[in-house]
Amino acid sequence: MRTTMTFPRFFVVALAAICCSPSPAYCQYRGYDAGGPSSAPAPASAPAPDKPRGLNNETYKTLKSQCETEVPLGKAHGDICANAAAILLGEDPPDEFREMSEAQKVKIALRLLEKGVDSSDIAKGRAYDWYSKTEFFGFGSLGGYTDPYRAKELMDMMTRKSYPGGALRKARAALSLLALTVTEAERTESCAMAKRLLAEGKLDVDSTKIAAEVLDSGHCKNLAQGKN
């Protein structure tokens, strides 16, 4: 007998799949524990000593100053702004930001990234990731920093420059659970493009991670196994 998944059950399954999937923007700039749960309880051990704080204070201050003064004048590359934003959003942010909420830090990081978008593809891509981030089936705003219009502008900039990171971000979106109008042919082409670009070995670090995410999708895995 063929059973039909009711809407409530489909809703729960889809919601669980989305909530349990790591957000690309979030995971891109901070580490996470990739290990699975242990079947046995961990042995008791002495608490680890606290890591020294303030290791990135001076580095961040220098990069931020260059981002705000030299990059707009063309005296430094916009990647500096992306590096400053990465420190701010990383596991060891400068002391002055430790007590800030995630949303507050993202807003400050976006101001830095915006100063670098004219000369840095990395800055464009990372700013796009935050502006285009969504929650709960694409509805709602995360901390007040999402901006679909600005995200589209940045995507257009990446496309005009033929930046592979832009095309790969489109491919990642085409293979997401929210891409309900994307055809099978478009999904297959997204897999083929990611595989080709990754094999060429010319991608930057961010684009390499996104290409790997695309190829790790269910559709691309099925293609690789000859199931589609």
Protein backbone atom coordinates (compact mmCIF):
# COMPACT_ATOMS: atom_id res chain seq x y z
CA MET A 1 0.00 0.00 0.00
CA ARG A 2 1.39 3.45 -0.92
CA THR A 3 1.41 5.90 1.95
CA THR A 4 1.26 9.64 1.56
CA MET A 5 3.20 11.93 3.87
CA THR A 6 0.75 14.32 5.48
CA PHE A 7 1.55 18.06 5.53
CA PRO A 8 2.30 18.23 9.27
CA ARG A 9 4.71 15.34 9.00
CA PHE A 10 6.38 16.86 5.91
CA PHE A 11 6.66 20.18 7.73
CA VAL A 12 8.39 18.61 10.72
CA VAL A 13 10.81 16.60 8.55
CA ALA A 14 11.71 19.59 6.40
CA LEU A 15 12.12 21.89 9.39
CA ALA A 16 14.41 19.38 11.10
CA ALA A 17 16.52 19.05 7.97
CA ILE A 18 16.99 22.79 7.70
CA CYS A 19 17.64 23.41 11.38
CA CYS A 20 20.21 20.63 11.55
CA SER A 21 22.11 21.84 8.51
CA PRO A 22 25.02 24.16 9.25
CA SER A 23 24.54 27.67 7.91
CA PRO A 24 27.15 28.40 5.22
CA ALA A 25 27.83 31.89 6.41
CA TYR A 26 28.15 30.90 10.03
CA CYS A 27 30.34 27.84 9.54
CA GLN A 28 32.55 29.60 7.06
CA TYR A 29 34.19 31.91 9.59
CA ARG A 30 34.19 29.96 12.84
CA GLY A 31 35.14 26.46 13.86
CA TYR A 32 32.79 23.79 15.09
CA ASP A 33 33.08 20.38 16.68
CA ALA A 34 32.89 17.82 13.88
CA GLY A 35 33.12 14.81 16.14
CA GLY A 36 30.08 12.62 16.81
CA PRO A 37 28.74 11.69 20.23
CA SER A 38 30.72 9.09 22.14
CA SER A 39 29.07 5.83 23.10
CA ALA A 40 30.87 5.83 26.45
CA PRO A 41 31.06 8.63 29.01
CA ALA A 42 34.27 10.62 28.91
CA PRO A 43 36.62 10.05 31.83
CA ALA A 44 36.79 12.77 34.42
CA SER A 45 39.67 15.15 33.92
CA ALA A 46 40.97 18.38 35.32
CA PRO A 47 39.46 21.49 33.74
CA ALA A 48 41.53 22.90 30.92
CA PRO A 49 43.24 26.19 31.66
CA ASP A 50 41.61 29.26 30.19
CA LYS A 51 43.07 30.41 26.90
CA PRO A 52 44.85 33.75 27.09
CA ARG A 53 42.63 36.54 25.90
CA GLY A 54 43.44 39.56 23.81
CA LEU A 55 45.68 37.71 21.34
CA ASN A 56 43.96 39.40 18.39
CA ASN A 57 43.53 42.87 19.87
CA GLU A 58 46.47 44.54 18.14
CA THR A 59 46.10 42.60 14.88
CA TYR A 60 42.45 43.58 14.62
CA LYS A 61 43.20 47.21 15.45
CA THR A 62 45.83 47.38 12.70
CA LEU A 63 43.67 45.69 10.06
CA LYS A 64 40.64 47.79 10.97
CA SER A 65 42.66 50.99 10.66
CA GLN A 66 44.01 49.97 7.25
CA CYS A 67 40.52 48.94 6.13
CA GLU A 68 39.02 52.27 7.10
CA THR A 69 41.81 54.57 5.88
CA GLU A 70 43.95 52.88 3.22
CA VAL A 71 41.52 50.59 1.40
CA PRO A 72 39.07 53.37 0.37
CA LEU A 73 42.02 55.31 -1.12
CA GLY A 74 43.27 52.30 -3.06
CA LYS A 75 46.47 52.09 -0.98
CA ALA A 76 45.58 48.62 0.34
CA HIS A 77 43.55 45.65 -0.92
CA GLY A 78 40.02 44.96 0.30
CA ASP A 79 41.05 41.53 1.56
CA ILE A 80 42.34 43.41 4.60
CA CYS A 81 38.75 44.30 5.48
CA ALA A 82 37.69 40.67 5.06
CA ASN A 83 40.49 39.60 7.40
CA ALA A 84 39.48 42.15 10.03
CA ALA A 85 35.85 41.00 9.84
CA ALA A 86 36.94 37.36 10.16
CA ILE A 87 38.79 38.11 13.40
CA LEU A 88 35.76 39.93 14.78
CA LEU A 89 33.49 36.95 14.01
CA GLY A 90 36.02 34.29 14.98
CA GLU A 91 36.45 32.20 18.11
CA ASP A 92 38.82 34.71 19.72
CA PRO A 93 37.43 38.18 18.99
CA PRO A 94 39.07 41.32 20.37
CA ASP A 95 38.31 41.95 24.04
CA GLU A 96 36.02 44.90 23.39
CA PHE A 97 33.59 42.68 21.44
CA ARG A 98 33.49 39.61 23.68
CA GLU A 99 30.25 40.56 25.41
CA MET A 100 28.46 41.63 22.23
CA SER A 101 25.70 39.55 20.71
CA GLU A 102 26.28 37.71 17.45
CA ALA A 103 23.98 40.12 15.60
CA GLN A 104 25.88 43.16 16.86
CA LYS A 105 29.20 41.71 15.76
CA VAL A 106 27.81 40.82 12.33
CA LYS A 107 26.61 44.39 11.78
CA ILE A 108 30.07 45.76 12.60
CA ALA A 109 31.71 43.10 10.41
CA LEU A 110 29.45 44.07 7.51
CA ARG A 111 30.58 47.68 7.79
CA LEU A 112 34.15 46.48 7.41
CA LEU A 113 33.32 44.15 4.53
CA GLU A 114 31.49 46.93 2.68
CA LYS A 115 34.69 48.98 2.64
CA GLY A 116 36.45 46.14 0.85
CA VAL A 117 33.87 45.04 -1.73
CA ASP A 118 35.19 47.24 -4.56
CA SER A 119 38.57 45.50 -4.65
CA SER A 120 38.01 42.16 -2.88
CA ASP A 121 35.98 39.23 -4.17
CA ILE A 122 36.33 37.62 -0.74
CA ALA A 123 34.71 40.66 0.90
CA LYS A 124 31.89 40.68 -1.66
CA GLY A 125 31.18 37.00 -1.15
CA ARG A 126 31.22 37.11 2.65
CA ALA A 127 29.03 40.21 2.78
CA TYR A 128 26.61 38.47 0.40
CA ASP A 129 26.45 35.43 2.66
CA TRP A 130 25.33 37.52 5.63
CA TYR A 131 22.92 39.75 3.72
CA SER A 132 21.23 36.74 2.10
CA LYS A 133 20.96 34.62 5.24
CA THR A 134 17.41 33.57 6.12
CA GLU A 135 15.60 31.68 8.83
CA PHE A 136 12.45 29.55 9.11
CA PHE A 137 11.80 28.63 5.48
CA GLY A 138 13.13 31.93 4.20
CA PHE A 139 10.97 34.20 6.34
CA GLY A 140 12.13 36.68 8.93
CA SER A 141 15.22 38.71 9.59
CA LEU A 142 18.24 37.55 11.54
CA GLY A 143 19.28 40.31 13.90
CA GLY A 144 18.24 43.07 11.52
CA TYR A 145 21.22 42.74 9.17
CA THR A 146 19.74 40.70 6.31
CA ASP A 147 19.19 42.71 3.12
CA PRO A 148 18.02 40.83 0.01
CA TYR A 149 18.38 43.93 -2.19
CA ARG A 150 22.01 44.49 -1.21
CA ALA A 151 22.66 40.77 -1.55
CA LYS A 152 21.43 40.93 -5.15
CA GLU A 153 23.68 43.91 -5.87
CA LEU A 154 26.70 42.01 -4.57
CA MET A 155 25.76 38.90 -6.57
CA ASP A 156 25.50 41.05 -9.71
CA MET A 157 28.98 42.44 -8.96
CA MET A 158 30.41 38.93 -8.57
CA THR A 159 28.72 37.82 -11.79
CA ARG A 160 30.04 40.78 -13.79
CA LYS A 161 33.57 39.97 -12.63
CA SER A 162 33.09 36.28 -13.46
CA TYR A 163 34.09 35.46 -9.89
CA PRO A 164 33.66 31.70 -9.41
CA GLY A 165 32.51 32.27 -5.84
CA GLY A 166 29.38 33.99 -7.15
CA ALA A 167 28.47 31.12 -9.48
CA LEU A 168 29.13 28.60 -6.73
CA ARG A 169 26.88 30.48 -4.31
CA LYS A 170 24.11 30.31 -6.92
CA ALA A 171 24.74 26.58 -7.27
CA ARG A 172 24.56 26.10 -3.50
CA ALA A 173 21.23 27.94 -3.41
CA ALA A 174 19.89 25.85 -6.31
CA LEU A 175 20.55 22.67 -4.34
CA SER A 176 19.00 23.83 -1.07
CA LEU A 177 15.67 22.60 0.28
CA LEU A 178 14.18 26.05 -0.33
CA ALA A 179 14.85 25.96 -4.09
CA LEU A 180 11.43 24.60 -5.01
CA THR A 181 11.34 26.01 -8.56
CA VAL A 182 14.77 24.79 -9.69
CA THR A 183 14.68 22.08 -12.37
CA GLU A 184 16.56 18.80 -12.25
CA ALA A 185 18.66 19.97 -15.19
CA GLU A 186 19.69 23.10 -13.30
CA ARG A 187 20.62 21.07 -10.24
CA THR A 188 22.68 18.68 -12.36
CA GLU A 189 24.48 21.59 -14.03
CA SER A 190 25.27 23.04 -10.59
CA CYS A 191 26.97 19.77 -9.63
CA ALA A 192 28.93 19.62 -12.88
CA MET A 193 30.13 23.22 -12.52
CA ALA A 194 31.27 22.73 -8.91
CA LYS A 195 33.15 19.56 -9.88
CA ARG A 196 34.83 21.30 -12.82
CA LEU A 197 35.88 24.39 -10.86
CA LEU A 198 37.19 22.31 -7.98
CA ALA A 199 39.24 20.13 -10.35
CA GLU A 200 40.85 23.21 -11.92
CA GLY A 201 42.41 24.04 -8.55
CA LYS A 202 42.18 27.83 -8.98
CA LEU A 203 39.55 28.62 -6.35
CA ASP A 204 40.17 30.75 -3.29
CA VAL A 205 39.61 29.26 0.17
CA ASP A 206 35.98 30.37 0.48
CA SER A 207 35.03 29.17 -3.00
CA THR A 208 36.73 25.82 -2.40
CA LYS A 209 34.59 25.28 0.70
CA ILE A 210 31.41 26.18 -1.16
CA ALA A 211 32.26 23.84 -4.06
CA ALA A 212 32.74 21.04 -1.54
CA GLU A 213 29.35 21.87 0.04
CA VAL A 214 27.69 21.68 -3.37
CA LEU A 215 29.24 18.30 -4.17
CA ASP A 216 28.22 17.04 -0.73
CA SER A 217 24.54 17.71 -1.46
CA GLY A 218 22.18 14.79 -1.89
CA HIS A 219 21.59 15.49 -5.59
CA CYS A 220 25.30 15.60 -6.43
CA LYS A 221 26.02 12.48 -4.38
CA ASN A 222 23.27 10.60 -6.20
CA LEU A 223 24.68 11.72 -9.54
CA ALA A 224 28.14 10.51 -8.55
CA GLN A 225 26.64 7.13 -7.60
CA GLY A 226 24.59 6.93 -10.81
CA LYS A 227 21.26 7.10 -8.98
CA ASN A 228 19.80 10.07 -10.87
